[in-house]
């Protein structure tokens, strides 16, 4: 079993330990911060991917001959 495959029991254990360590008042703040971090990461990767798509589209358009005939 790989470390990334923790399953439901492992996830429950992590949540219980986090609740014990940080307490019930701090967990929502930690969750909110983690959510914002993941959202920013997702937005950044989407922006990078869309920029690459635009570059590839421009390159493909520049590679096509004007008269429509194959190269």
Foldseek 3Di string as FASTA:
>chain_A
DDPVCQDDVSVVVVVVVCCVVVNPVCVVVVVVVVVVVVVVVVVVVVVVVVVVVVVVVVVVVVPQDPVRDDD
